[in-house]
Amino acid sequence: MHTIHKLALVAALGIALAAPAQAQTPLTFSSWVPPTHHLTIWQQNWAADIEKATGGRVKFQSLPKAPAAAPGTFDAVRDGLVDLSYVTASYTPARHALPAIGELPGAGATAVINSVAYSRIHWKHFHKVGEYKGVKLLAVWTHGPGQMFNTKRAINSLADLKGMKIRTGGGIAEKFGNILGASAFVKPAPESYELLSSGVADGVFFPLESIISFKLDKVLKHATIFPGGFYSSSFGFFMNEDKWNKLAKQDQDIIEKHGYEYAARSNGQSWDTADQKGLEGLKASGVNIASASPTLVKEVTAQAKQLDDEWIKGANAKGVDGAQVLAEFRAELKKVAAGK
């Protein structure tokens, strides 16, 4: 009996020790772009990495459909409709103003350069301001250089752009499109094909990748490539705060290890690969691809200063030294480009 009693105790102890390892925290995530889009795939891969690193203690489930339209993503995560997602900051400009630094014209030559530099500036200067209050922010990044595409004509100077109806995602892209003389407006990215094919839009501002992701190469005829992009879009990647607080400390640590600059660099790499595929797809579709002419570069650069000044003014109003931080961001872009 004594031996049997000991064996029973050992078995019970074994079950007790194993229980925490079996405990699982299920979390949902969603994406508002198509399943084939690299952002959806990147998020799926990121979730799989976390599951593996936590030994399955944290388990993610992809929702078949985003619970809100793209601009409502922040609220959907904050309010618990979904536990994890990402969104472009320019969809909520009243709430997320500081991220526009990563959207200014002529930034990084690649998504990696822009994303890593922006990530460093965000965590150093912006996070404490609290624009992402209400969620657990895990990472920020930008997409690749945003370029101009249209169905009408080559853009060799701003005179060629005048009055053209350009779909944008908002933020700097919309503002800059109007400054440059276009008639820029805001619509979510997935609506772009319908806007172009129906003639509601004459063109779009997008990174190269998006042209293929949204099948726009079938309707577009001209691409204008500006060094460092006419703009970019800044993203936030975040989790519901209550769900975050319920995670074990060891799992929070693992998730944070896969966040911040690690996620910014990883997402940037994914975006750069997708942009390259986008460029190849554009060529295959016969879209006329032209680098911005010296005249256009000069005209665009002259107008861009207005955006810098506006961003500095807005940052100052939030207690950030706008001029100093913008100079630091541009220095950071050069550092990252040099491999630092």
C-alpha atoms as a PDB file:
ATOM      1  CA  MET A   1       0.000   0.000   0.000  1.00  0.00           C
ATOM      2  CA  HIS A   2       2.824   2.340   0.841  1.00  0.00           C
ATOM      3  CA  THR A   3       4.337   1.913  -2.648  1.00  0.00           C
ATOM      4  CA  ILE A   4       0.957   2.412  -4.323  1.00  0.00           C
ATOM      5  CA  HIS A   5       0.377   5.548  -2.230  1.00  0.00           C
ATOM      6  CA  LYS A   6       3.783   6.917  -3.276  1.00  0.00           C
ATOM      7  CA  LEU A   7       3.091   6.214  -6.935  1.00  0.00           C
ATOM      8  CA  ALA A   8      -0.256   7.983  -6.674  1.00  0.00           C
ATOM      9  CA  LEU A   9       1.438  11.016  -5.113  1.00  0.00           C
ATOM     10  CA  VAL A  10       4.076  11.091  -7.853  1.00  0.00           C
ATOM     11  CA  ALA A  11       1.392  10.837 -10.540  1.00  0.00           C
ATOM     12  CA  ALA A  12      -0.634  13.612  -8.953  1.00  0.00           C
ATOM     13  CA  LEU A  13       2.452  15.795  -8.663  1.00  0.00           C
ATOM     14  CA  GLY A  14       3.287  15.137 -12.304  1.00  0.00           C
ATOM     15  CA  ILE A  15      -0.180  16.222 -13.404  1.00  0.00           C
ATOM     16  CA  ALA A  16       0.053  19.355 -11.251  1.00  0.00           C
ATOM     17  CA  LEU A  17       3.409  20.273 -12.717  1.00  0.00           C
ATOM     18  CA  ALA A  18       2.207  19.641 -16.262  1.00  0.00           C
ATOM     19  CA  ALA A  19      -0.967  21.707 -15.889  1.00  0.00           C
ATOM     20  CA  PRO A  20       0.549  25.179 -16.343  1.00  0.00           C
ATOM     21  CA  ALA A  21       2.328  24.030 -19.501  1.00  0.00           C
ATOM     22  CA  GLN A  22      -1.020  22.861 -20.941  1.00  0.00           C
ATOM     23  CA  ALA A  23      -2.847  26.075 -20.020  1.00  0.00           C
ATOM     24  CA  GLN A  24      -3.565  27.961 -23.212  1.00  0.00           C
ATOM     25  CA  THR A  25      -4.484  31.574 -23.877  1.00  0.00           C
ATOM     26  CA  PRO A  26      -6.506  31.784 -27.107  1.00  0.00           C
ATOM     27  CA  LEU A  27      -6.243  35.128 -28.920  1.00  0.00           C
ATOM     28  CA  THR A  28      -7.931  36.297 -32.117  1.00  0.00           C
ATOM     29  CA  PHE A  29      -6.361  38.384 -34.854  1.00  0.00           C
ATOM     30  CA  SER A  30      -7.665  39.903 -38.075  1.00  0.00           C
ATOM     31  CA  SER A  31      -6.494  41.599 -41.241  1.00  0.00           C
ATOM     32  CA  TRP A  32      -8.405  44.116 -43.353  1.00  0.00           C
ATOM     33  CA  VAL A  33      -6.429  43.485 -46.556  1.00  0.00           C
ATOM     34  CA  PRO A  34      -6.814  40.359 -48.766  1.00  0.00           C
ATOM     35  CA  PRO A  35      -5.545  36.955 -47.538  1.00  0.00           C
ATOM     36  CA  THR A  36      -2.858  37.059 -50.242  1.00  0.00           C
ATOM     37  CA  HIS A  37      -1.510  40.456 -49.118  1.00  0.00           C
ATOM     38  CA  HIS A  38       1.928  40.288 -47.529  1.00  0.00           C
ATOM     39  CA  LEU A  39       0.639  42.066 -44.378  1.00  0.00           C
ATOM     40  CA  THR A  40      -1.881  39.283 -43.770  1.00  0.00           C
ATOM     41  CA  ILE A  41       0.781  36.644 -44.377  1.00  0.00           C
ATOM     42  CA  TRP A  42       3.331  38.467 -42.204  1.00  0.00           C
ATOM     43  CA  GLN A  43       0.856  38.658 -39.312  1.00  0.00           C
ATOM     44  CA  GLN A  44       0.039  34.943 -39.672  1.00  0.00           C
ATOM     45  CA  ASN A  45       3.753  34.092 -39.609  1.00  0.00           C
ATOM     46  CA  TRP A  46       4.316  36.378 -36.619  1.00  0.00           C
ATOM     47  CA  ALA A  47       1.475  34.665 -34.723  1.00  0.00           C
ATOM     48  CA  ALA A  48       2.915  31.233 -35.586  1.00  0.00           C
ATOM     49  CA  ASP A  49       6.333  32.338 -34.284  1.00  0.00           C
ATOM     50  CA  ILE A  50       4.765  33.388 -30.968  1.00  0.00           C
ATOM     51  CA  GLU A  51       2.877  30.092 -30.648  1.00  0.00           C
ATOM     52  CA  LYS A  52       6.101  28.179 -31.228  1.00  0.00           C
ATOM     53  CA  ALA A  53       8.186  30.355 -28.890  1.00  0.00           C
ATOM     54  CA  THR A  54       5.628  30.024 -26.067  1.00  0.00           C
ATOM     55  CA  GLY A  55       5.338  26.273 -26.524  1.00  0.00           C
ATOM     56  CA  GLY A  56       1.685  26.686 -27.498  1.00  0.00           C
ATOM     57  CA  ARG A  57       0.714  28.536 -24.314  1.00  0.00           C
ATOM     58  CA  VAL A  58      -0.355  31.484 -26.485  1.00  0.00           C
ATOM     59  CA  LYS A  59      -2.564  30.345 -29.353  1.00  0.00           C
ATOM     60  CA  PHE A  60      -3.807  32.624 -32.133  1.00  0.00           C
ATOM     61  CA  GLN A  61      -6.913  32.195 -34.222  1.00  0.00           C
ATOM     62  CA  SER A  62      -7.415  34.193 -37.415  1.00  0.00           C
ATOM     63  CA  LEU A  63     -10.901  35.638 -37.830  1.00  0.00           C
ATOM     64  CA  PRO A  64     -12.340  34.920 -41.299  1.00  0.00           C
ATOM     65  CA  LYS A  65     -13.268  38.591 -41.627  1.00  0.00           C
ATOM     66  CA  ALA A  66     -12.120  41.782 -39.908  1.00  0.00           C
ATOM     67  CA  PRO A  67     -14.779  42.858 -37.360  1.00  0.00           C
ATOM     68  CA  ALA A  68     -14.600  46.482 -38.526  1.00  0.00           C
ATOM     69  CA  ALA A  69     -13.664  48.472 -41.614  1.00  0.00           C
ATOM     70  CA  ALA A  70      -9.971  49.442 -41.695  1.00  0.00           C
ATOM     71  CA  PRO A  71     -10.406  52.888 -40.033  1.00  0.00           C
ATOM     72  CA  GLY A  72     -12.205  51.223 -37.090  1.00  0.00           C
ATOM     73  CA  THR A  73      -9.385  48.750 -36.353  1.00  0.00           C
ATOM     74  CA  PHE A  74      -7.932  50.632 -33.363  1.00  0.00           C
ATOM     75  CA  ASP A  75     -11.349  50.799 -31.667  1.00  0.00           C
ATOM     76  CA  ALA A  76     -12.079  47.152 -32.516  1.00  0.00           C
ATOM     77  CA  VAL A  77      -8.899  46.013 -30.729  1.00  0.00           C
ATOM     78  CA  ARG A  78      -9.346  48.433 -27.819  1.00  0.00           C
ATOM     79  CA  ASP A  79     -12.947  47.300 -27.310  1.00  0.00           C
ATOM     80  CA  GLY A  80     -12.149  43.587 -27.593  1.00  0.00           C
ATOM     81  CA  LEU A  81     -13.880  42.756 -30.890  1.00  0.00           C
ATOM     82  CA  VAL A  82     -10.516  41.284 -31.920  1.00  0.00           C
ATOM     83  CA  ASP A  83      -7.401  40.816 -29.794  1.00  0.00           C
ATOM     84  CA  LEU A  84      -4.613  41.657 -32.251  1.00  0.00           C
ATOM     85  CA  SER A  85      -4.365  43.672 -35.450  1.00  0.00           C
ATOM     86  CA  TYR A  86      -2.611  46.542 -37.198  1.00  0.00           C
ATOM     87  CA  VAL A  87      -3.727  49.678 -39.006  1.00  0.00           C
ATOM     88  CA  THR A  88      -2.437  52.662 -40.917  1.00  0.00           C
ATOM     89  CA  ALA A  89      -2.158  55.658 -38.591  1.00  0.00           C
ATOM     90  CA  SER A  90      -3.393  57.983 -41.350  1.00  0.00           C
ATOM     91  CA  TYR A  91      -6.861  56.386 -41.135  1.00  0.00           C
ATOM     92  CA  THR A  92      -7.243  58.014 -37.699  1.00  0.00           C
ATOM     93  CA  PRO A  93      -5.390  61.360 -38.063  1.00  0.00           C
ATOM     94  CA  ALA A  94      -7.104  63.069 -35.136  1.00  0.00           C
ATOM     95  CA  ARG A  95      -5.815  60.374 -32.790  1.00  0.00           C
ATOM     96  CA  HIS A  96      -2.464  59.501 -34.414  1.00  0.00           C
ATOM     97  CA  ALA A  97      -0.693  62.672 -35.561  1.00  0.00           C
ATOM     98  CA  LEU A  98       2.966  62.042 -34.642  1.00  0.00           C
ATOM     99  CA  PRO A  99       3.333  58.948 -36.903  1.00  0.00           C
ATOM    100  CA  ALA A 100       3.124  61.291 -39.893  1.00  0.00           C
ATOM    101  CA  ILE A 101       6.885  61.792 -39.489  1.00  0.00           C
ATOM    102  CA  GLY A 102       7.335  58.402 -41.177  1.00  0.00           C
ATOM    103  CA  GLU A 103       5.040  59.474 -44.021  1.00  0.00           C
ATOM    104  CA  LEU A 104       6.896  62.609 -45.144  1.00  0.00           C
ATOM    105  CA  PRO A 105       8.150  62.689 -48.775  1.00  0.00           C
ATOM    106  CA  GLY A 106      11.641  61.523 -49.711  1.00  0.00           C
ATOM    107  CA  ALA A 107      12.265  59.293 -46.677  1.00  0.00           C
ATOM    108  CA  GLY A 108      13.945  55.876 -46.765  1.00  0.00           C
ATOM    109  CA  ALA A 109      14.765  54.162 -50.041  1.00  0.00           C
ATOM    110  CA  THR A 110      13.271  50.929 -48.654  1.00  0.00           C
ATOM    111  CA  ALA A 111      10.615  49.874 -46.178  1.00  0.00           C
ATOM    112  CA  VAL A 112      13.318  48.456 -43.884  1.00  0.00           C
ATOM    113  CA  ILE A 113      15.180  51.762 -43.703  1.00  0.00           C
ATOM    114  CA  ASN A 114      12.056  53.813 -43.080  1.00  0.00           C
ATOM    115  CA  SER A 115      10.476  51.316 -40.658  1.00  0.00           C
ATOM    116  CA  VAL A 116      13.519  50.850 -38.439  1.00  0.00           C
ATOM    117  CA  ALA A 117      14.287  54.583 -38.296  1.00  0.00           C
ATOM    118  CA  TYR A 118      10.649  55.410 -37.519  1.00  0.00           C
ATOM    119  CA  SER A 119      10.485  52.661 -34.877  1.00  0.00           C
ATOM    120  CA  ARG A 120      13.537  54.050 -33.075  1.00  0.00           C
ATOM    121  CA  ILE A 121      12.095  57.569 -33.080  1.00  0.00           C
ATOM    122  CA  HIS A 122       8.654  56.397 -31.948  1.00  0.00           C
ATOM    123  CA  TRP A 123       9.862  54.483 -28.890  1.00  0.00           C
ATOM    124  CA  LYS A 124      12.301  57.221 -27.930  1.00  0.00           C
ATOM    125  CA  HIS A 125      10.108  60.290 -28.394  1.00  0.00           C
ATOM    126  CA  PHE A 126       6.469  59.508 -29.241  1.00  0.00           C
ATOM    127  CA  HIS A 127       5.274  56.585 -27.159  1.00  0.00           C
ATOM    128  CA  LYS A 128       5.179  58.574 -23.924  1.00  0.00           C
ATOM    129  CA  VAL A 129       2.821  61.106 -25.551  1.00  0.00           C
ATOM    130  CA  GLY A 130       0.133  58.405 -25.466  1.00  0.00           C
ATOM    131  CA  GLU A 131      -1.378  58.392 -28.950  1.00  0.00           C
ATOM    132  CA  TYR A 132      -1.755  54.600 -28.667  1.00  0.00           C
ATOM    133  CA  LYS A 133      -3.237  54.721 -25.181  1.00  0.00           C
ATOM    134  CA  GLY A 134      -5.951  52.087 -24.717  1.00  0.00           C
ATOM    135  CA  VAL A 135      -4.118  49.254 -26.471  1.00  0.00           C
ATOM    136  CA  LYS A 136      -0.813  47.450 -25.960  1.00  0.00           C
ATOM    137  CA  LEU A 137       1.332  48.734 -28.833  1.00  0.00           C
ATOM    138  CA  LEU A 138       3.758  46.038 -29.979  1.00  0.00           C
ATOM    139  CA  ALA A 139       5.416  47.640 -33.008  1.00  0.00           C
ATOM    140  CA  VAL A 140       5.335  50.439 -35.549  1.00  0.00           C
ATOM    141  CA  TRP A 141       6.561  50.355 -39.138  1.00  0.00           C
ATOM    142  CA  THR A 142       5.993  51.971 -42.539  1.00  0.00           C
ATOM    143  CA  HIS A 143       5.368  50.566 -45.967  1.00  0.00           C
ATOM    144  CA  GLY A 144       7.807  51.004 -48.828  1.00  0.00           C
ATOM    145  CA  PRO A 145       8.179  54.278 -50.717  1.00  0.00           C
ATOM    146  CA  GLY A 146       4.731  55.393 -51.887  1.00  0.00           C
ATOM    147  CA  GLN A 147       4.555  56.196 -55.577  1.00  0.00           C
ATOM    148  CA  MET A 148       2.033  57.691 -57.982  1.00  0.00           C
ATOM    149  CA  PHE A 149       0.075  55.630 -60.498  1.00  0.00           C
ATOM    150  CA  ASN A 150      -2.615  56.753 -62.941  1.00  0.00           C
ATOM    151  CA  THR A 151      -4.782  55.804 -65.913  1.00  0.00           C
ATOM    152  CA  LYS A 152      -4.355  59.055 -67.880  1.00  0.00           C
ATOM    153  CA  ARG A 153      -0.838  60.270 -68.724  1.00  0.00           C
ATOM    154  CA  ALA A 154       2.827  60.400 -67.785  1.00  0.00           C
ATOM    155  CA  ILE A 155       3.598  62.928 -65.019  1.00  0.00           C
ATOM    156  CA  ASN A 156       6.671  64.916 -66.062  1.00  0.00           C
ATOM    157  CA  SER A 157       5.818  68.070 -64.120  1.00  0.00           C
ATOM    158  CA  LEU A 158       3.167  69.219 -61.658  1.00  0.00           C
ATOM    159  CA  ALA A 159       1.230  70.719 -64.573  1.00  0.00           C
ATOM    160  CA  ASP A 160       0.532  67.135 -65.743  1.00  0.00           C
ATOM    161  CA  LEU A 161      -0.919  66.255 -62.331  1.00  0.00           C
ATOM    162  CA  LYS A 162      -3.224  69.260 -61.988  1.00  0.00           C
ATOM    163  CA  GLY A 163      -6.822  68.280 -61.213  1.00  0.00           C
ATOM    164  CA  MET A 164      -6.217  64.530 -61.437  1.00  0.00           C
ATOM    165  CA  LYS A 165      -8.470  62.581 -59.033  1.00  0.00           C
ATOM    166  CA  ILE A 166      -6.122  60.574 -56.807  1.00  0.00           C
ATOM    167  CA  ARG A 167      -7.228  57.999 -54.221  1.00  0.00           C
ATOM    168  CA  THR A 168      -5.113  58.067 -51.054  1.00  0.00           C
ATOM    169  CA  GLY A 169      -5.189  56.457 -47.625  1.00  0.00           C
ATOM    170  CA  GLY A 170      -5.336  59.890 -45.993  1.00  0.00           C
ATOM    171  CA  GLY A 171      -2.716  61.596 -43.854  1.00  0.00           C
ATOM    172  CA  ILE A 172       0.344  62.959 -45.624  1.00  0.00           C
ATOM    173  CA  ALA A 173      -0.575  61.268 -48.929  1.00  0.00           C
ATOM    174  CA  GLU A 174      -3.900  63.104 -49.162  1.00  0.00           C
ATOM    175  CA  LYS A 175      -2.466  66.400 -47.956  1.00  0.00           C
ATOM    176  CA  PHE A 176       0.511  66.231 -50.298  1.00  0.00           C
ATOM    177  CA  GLY A 177      -1.587  65.187 -53.289  1.00  0.00           C
ATOM    178  CA  ASN A 178      -3.663  68.339 -52.876  1.00  0.00           C
ATOM    179  CA  ILE A 179      -0.586  70.521 -52.319  1.00  0.00           C
ATOM    180  CA  LEU A 180       0.852  69.187 -55.584  1.00  0.00           C
ATOM    181  CA  GLY A 181      -2.307  70.221 -57.465  1.00  0.00           C
ATOM    182  CA  ALA A 182      -4.200  66.936 -57.686  1.00  0.00           C
ATOM    183  CA  SER A 183      -7.713  66.408 -56.372  1.00  0.00           C
ATOM    184  CA  ALA A 184      -6.811  63.904 -53.658  1.00  0.00           C
ATOM    185  CA  PHE A 185      -9.394  62.052 -51.581  1.00  0.00           C
ATOM    186  CA  VAL A 186      -9.489  59.267 -48.980  1.00  0.00           C
ATOM    187  CA  LYS A 187     -10.819  55.741 -49.509  1.00  0.00           C
ATOM    188  CA  PRO A 188      -9.717  52.405 -48.004  1.00  0.00           C
ATOM    189  CA  ALA A 189      -7.175  50.512 -50.100  1.00  0.00           C
ATOM    190  CA  PRO A 190      -9.436  47.526 -50.956  1.00  0.00           C
ATOM    191  CA  GLU A 191     -11.838  49.859 -52.831  1.00  0.00           C
ATOM    192  CA  SER A 192      -9.154  51.063 -55.254  1.00  0.00           C
ATOM    193  CA  TYR A 193      -9.900  48.706 -58.169  1.00  0.00           C
ATOM    194  CA  GLU A 194     -13.537  49.755 -58.305  1.00  0.00           C
ATOM    195  CA  LEU A 195     -12.618  53.451 -58.009  1.00  0.00           C
ATOM    196  CA  LEU A 196     -10.188  53.242 -60.933  1.00  0.00           C
ATOM    197  CA  SER A 197     -12.246  50.983 -63.194  1.00  0.00           C
ATOM    198  CA  SER A 198     -15.346  53.162 -62.734  1.00  0.00           C
ATOM    199  CA  GLY A 199     -13.437  56.413 -63.350  1.00  0.00           C
ATOM    200  CA  VAL A 200     -14.172  57.809 -59.880  1.00  0.00           C
ATOM    201  CA  ALA A 201     -10.385  57.939 -59.477  1.00  0.00           C
ATOM    202  CA  ASP A 202      -7.796  58.722 -62.169  1.00  0.00           C
ATOM    203  CA  GLY A 203      -4.933  57.443 -60.062  1.00  0.00           C
ATOM    204  CA  VAL A 204      -3.682  56.218 -56.707  1.00  0.00           C
ATOM    205  CA  PHE A 205      -0.850  56.780 -54.261  1.00  0.00           C
ATOM    206  CA  PHE A 206       0.507  53.352 -53.244  1.00  0.00           C
ATOM    207  CA  PRO A 207       3.717  51.410 -52.634  1.00  0.00           C
ATOM    208  CA  LEU A 208       4.656  49.171 -55.575  1.00  0.00           C
ATOM    209  CA  GLU A 209       3.450  46.074 -53.742  1.00  0.00           C
ATOM    210  CA  SER A 210      -0.156  47.259 -53.479  1.00  0.00           C
ATOM    211  CA  ILE A 211      -0.633  47.571 -57.226  1.00  0.00           C
ATOM    212  CA  ILE A 212      -0.375  43.804 -57.569  1.00  0.00           C
ATOM    213  CA  SER A 213      -2.087  42.964 -54.248  1.00  0.00           C
ATOM    214  CA  PHE A 214      -5.192  44.875 -55.304  1.00  0.00           C
ATOM    215  CA  LYS A 215      -4.900  43.829 -59.003  1.00  0.00           C
ATOM    216  CA  LEU A 216      -4.588  47.435 -60.148  1.00  0.00           C
ATOM    217  CA  ASP A 217      -2.021  46.590 -62.851  1.00  0.00           C
ATOM    218  CA  LYS A 218      -5.028  45.626 -65.006  1.00  0.00           C
ATOM    219  CA  VAL A 219      -6.361  49.206 -65.063  1.00  0.00           C
ATOM    220  CA  LEU A 220      -3.340  51.490 -64.540  1.00  0.00           C
ATOM    221  CA  LYS A 221      -1.193  52.781 -67.389  1.00  0.00           C
ATOM    222  CA  HIS A 222       1.465  55.043 -65.841  1.00  0.00           C
ATOM    223  CA  ALA A 223       3.773  54.849 -62.800  1.00  0.00           C
ATOM    224  CA  THR A 224       5.860  57.774 -61.539  1.00  0.00           C
ATOM    225  CA  ILE A 225       8.735  56.762 -59.237  1.00  0.00           C
ATOM    226  CA  PHE A 226      10.019  59.455 -56.847  1.00  0.00           C
ATOM    227  CA  PRO A 227      13.286  58.901 -54.893  1.00  0.00           C
ATOM    228  CA  GLY A 228      12.355  57.874 -51.337  1.00  0.00           C
ATOM    229  CA  GLY A 229       8.687  58.029 -52.290  1.00  0.00           C
ATOM    230  CA  PHE A 230       6.120  60.818 -52.564  1.00  0.00           C
ATOM    231  CA  TYR A 231       4.989  59.636 -49.127  1.00  0.00           C
ATOM    232  CA  SER A 232       4.813  56.539 -46.962  1.00  0.00           C
ATOM    233  CA  SER A 233       2.226  55.212 -44.509  1.00  0.00           C
ATOM    234  CA  SER A 234       2.940  54.556 -40.842  1.00  0.00           C
ATOM    235  CA  PHE A 235       1.379  51.552 -39.125  1.00  0.00           C
ATOM    236  CA  GLY A 236       0.702  50.522 -35.546  1.00  0.00           C
ATOM    237  CA  PHE A 237       0.527  46.831 -34.511  1.00  0.00           C
ATOM    238  CA  PHE A 238      -1.273  46.317 -31.208  1.00  0.00           C
ATOM    239  CA  MET A 239      -3.103  44.010 -28.821  1.00  0.00           C
ATOM    240  CA  ASN A 240      -6.139  44.368 -26.596  1.00  0.00           C
ATOM    241  CA  GLU A 241      -4.860  45.654 -23.262  1.00  0.00           C
ATOM    242  CA  ASP A 242      -6.983  43.371 -21.039  1.00  0.00           C
ATOM    243  CA  LYS A 243      -5.826  40.287 -22.923  1.00  0.00           C
ATOM    244  CA  TRP A 244      -2.229  41.478 -22.707  1.00  0.00           C
ATOM    245  CA  ASN A 245      -2.482  41.979 -18.935  1.00  0.00           C
ATOM    246  CA  LYS A 246      -3.802  38.431 -18.498  1.00  0.00           C
ATOM    247  CA  LEU A 247      -0.798  36.854 -20.214  1.00  0.00           C
ATOM    248  CA  ALA A 248       1.919  35.307 -18.054  1.00  0.00           C
ATOM    249  CA  LYS A 249       5.009  37.508 -17.668  1.00  0.00           C
ATOM    250  CA  GLN A 250       7.193  34.962 -19.498  1.00  0.00           C
ATOM    251  CA  ASP A 251       4.821  35.075 -22.490  1.00  0.00           C
ATOM    252  CA  GLN A 252       4.679  38.875 -22.463  1.00  0.00           C
ATOM    253  CA  ASP A 253       8.486  38.859 -22.572  1.00  0.00           C
ATOM    254  CA  ILE A 254       8.482  36.505 -25.573  1.00  0.00           C
ATOM    255  CA  ILE A 255       5.951  38.647 -27.439  1.00  0.00           C
ATOM    256  CA  GLU A 256       7.931  41.832 -26.724  1.00  0.00           C
ATOM    257  CA  LYS A 257      11.095  40.127 -27.970  1.00  0.00           C
ATOM    258  CA  HIS A 258       9.246  39.654 -31.281  1.00  0.00           C
ATOM    259  CA  GLY A 259       7.952  43.249 -31.225  1.00  0.00           C
ATOM    260  CA  TYR A 260       9.483  46.726 -31.363  1.00  0.00           C
ATOM    261  CA  GLU A 261      12.450  47.017 -33.760  1.00  0.00           C
ATOM    262  CA  TYR A 262      12.499  43.266 -34.443  1.00  0.00           C
ATOM    263  CA  ALA A 263       8.964  43.450 -35.883  1.00  0.00           C
ATOM    264  CA  ALA A 264       9.677  46.733 -37.703  1.00  0.00           C
ATOM    265  CA  ARG A 265      12.671  45.198 -39.478  1.00  0.00           C
ATOM    266  CA  SER A 266      10.876  41.926 -40.183  1.00  0.00           C
ATOM    267  CA  ASN A 267       7.830  43.685 -41.628  1.00  0.00           C
ATOM    268  CA  GLY A 268      10.039  46.031 -43.648  1.00  0.00           C
ATOM    269  CA  GLN A 269      11.860  43.068 -45.174  1.00  0.00           C
ATOM    270  CA  SER A 270       8.538  41.465 -46.049  1.00  0.00           C
ATOM    271  CA  TRP A 271       7.323  44.701 -47.624  1.00  0.00           C
ATOM    272  CA  ASP A 272      10.497  45.199 -49.660  1.00  0.00           C
ATOM    273  CA  THR A 273      10.185  41.672 -51.063  1.00  0.00           C
ATOM    274  CA  ALA A 274       6.547  42.368 -51.955  1.00  0.00           C
ATOM    275  CA  ASP A 275       7.510  45.708 -53.566  1.00  0.00           C
ATOM    276  CA  GLN A 276      10.043  43.934 -55.776  1.00  0.00           C
ATOM    277  CA  LYS A 277       7.356  41.488 -56.889  1.00  0.00           C
ATOM    278  CA  GLY A 278       5.081  44.470 -57.497  1.00  0.00           C
ATOM    279  CA  LEU A 279       7.666  46.113 -59.734  1.00  0.00           C
ATOM    280  CA  GLU A 280       8.091  42.893 -61.715  1.00  0.00           C
ATOM    281  CA  GLY A 281       4.312  42.597 -62.049  1.00  0.00           C
ATOM    282  CA  LEU A 282       4.018  46.170 -63.298  1.00  0.00           C
ATOM    283  CA  LYS A 283       6.637  45.517 -65.957  1.00  0.00           C
ATOM    284  CA  ALA A 284       4.889  42.313 -67.010  1.00  0.00           C
ATOM    285  CA  SER A 285       1.575  44.186 -67.331  1.00  0.00           C
ATOM    286  CA  GLY A 286       3.088  46.795 -69.636  1.00  0.00           C
ATOM    287  CA  VAL A 287       2.549  49.746 -67.293  1.00  0.00           C
ATOM    288  CA  ASN A 288       4.718  52.700 -68.335  1.00  0.00           C
ATOM    289  CA  ILE A 289       7.210  53.086 -65.437  1.00  0.00           C
ATOM    290  CA  ALA A 290       9.179  56.343 -65.322  1.00  0.00           C
ATOM    291  CA  SER A 291      11.535  57.844 -62.751  1.00  0.00           C
ATOM    292  CA  ALA A 292      10.524  61.351 -61.722  1.00  0.00           C
ATOM    293  CA  SER A 293      12.080  63.911 -64.066  1.00  0.00           C
ATOM    294  CA  PRO A 294      14.571  66.449 -62.633  1.00  0.00           C
ATOM    295  CA  THR A 295      11.882  69.112 -63.097  1.00  0.00           C
ATOM    296  CA  LEU A 296       9.332  67.103 -61.143  1.00  0.00           C
ATOM    297  CA  VAL A 297      11.815  66.255 -58.355  1.00  0.00           C
ATOM    298  CA  LYS A 298      12.627  69.937 -57.958  1.00  0.00           C
ATOM    299  CA  GLU A 299       8.959  70.978 -57.902  1.00  0.00           C
ATOM    300  CA  VAL A 300       7.924  68.238 -55.475  1.00  0.00           C
ATOM    301  CA  THR A 301      10.856  68.866 -53.103  1.00  0.00           C
ATOM    302  CA  ALA A 302      10.020  72.583 -52.956  1.00  0.00           C
ATOM    303  CA  GLN A 303       6.417  71.810 -51.975  1.00  0.00           C
ATOM    304  CA  ALA A 304       7.430  69.162 -49.410  1.00  0.00           C
ATOM    305  CA  LYS A 305       8.834  71.753 -47.007  1.00  0.00           C
ATOM    306  CA  GLN A 306       5.276  72.816 -46.220  1.00  0.00           C
ATOM    307  CA  LEU A 307       4.582  69.329 -44.843  1.00  0.00           C
ATOM    308  CA  ASP A 308       7.734  69.410 -42.708  1.00  0.00           C
ATOM    309  CA  ASP A 309       6.691  72.745 -41.219  1.00  0.00           C
ATOM    310  CA  GLU A 310       3.147  71.518 -40.501  1.00  0.00           C
ATOM    311  CA  TRP A 311       4.411  68.340 -38.837  1.00  0.00           C
ATOM    312  CA  ILE A 312       6.863  70.319 -36.678  1.00  0.00           C
ATOM    313  CA  LYS A 313       4.086  72.669 -35.578  1.00  0.00           C
ATOM    314  CA  GLY A 314       1.795  69.757 -34.682  1.00  0.00           C
ATOM    315  CA  ALA A 315       4.555  67.929 -32.804  1.00  0.00           C
ATOM    316  CA  ASN A 316       5.429  71.060 -30.822  1.00  0.00           C
ATOM    317  CA  ALA A 317       1.772  71.316 -29.770  1.00  0.00           C
ATOM    318  CA  LYS A 318       2.045  67.801 -28.296  1.00  0.00           C
ATOM    319  CA  GLY A 319       5.144  68.656 -26.298  1.00  0.00           C
ATOM    320  CA  VAL A 320       7.647  67.152 -28.748  1.00  0.00           C
ATOM    321  CA  ASP A 321      10.510  69.280 -30.101  1.00  0.00           C
ATOM    322  CA  GLY A 322       9.430  68.888 -33.722  1.00  0.00           C
ATOM    323  CA  ALA A 323      12.434  70.387 -35.501  1.00  0.00           C
ATOM    324  CA  GLN A 324      14.938  68.477 -33.373  1.00  0.00           C
ATOM    325  CA  VAL A 325      13.100  65.136 -33.694  1.00  0.00           C
ATOM    326  CA  LEU A 326      12.634  65.519 -37.468  1.00  0.00           C
ATOM    327  CA  ALA A 327      16.368  66.191 -37.853  1.00  0.00           C
ATOM    328  CA  GLU A 328      17.072  63.145 -35.674  1.00  0.00           C
ATOM    329  CA  PHE A 329      14.730  60.990 -37.789  1.00  0.00           C
ATOM    330  CA  ARG A 330      16.512  61.981 -40.988  1.00  0.00           C
ATOM    331  CA  ALA A 331      19.876  61.242 -39.401  1.00  0.00           C
ATOM    332  CA  GLU A 332      18.490  57.866 -38.295  1.00  0.00           C
ATOM    333  CA  LEU A 333      17.417  57.109 -41.884  1.00  0.00           C
ATOM    334  CA  LYS A 334      21.030  57.569 -42.995  1.00  0.00           C
ATOM    335  CA  LYS A 335      22.324  55.416 -40.122  1.00  0.00           C
ATOM    336  CA  VAL A 336      19.990  52.543 -40.926  1.00  0.00           C
ATOM    337  CA  ALA A 337      20.807  52.819 -44.643  1.00  0.00           C
ATOM    338  CA  ALA A 338      24.499  52.498 -43.673  1.00  0.00           C
ATOM    339  CA  GLY A 339      23.732  49.319 -41.739  1.00  0.00           C
ATOM    340  CA  LYS A 340      23.846  50.825 -38.233  1.00  0.00           C
END
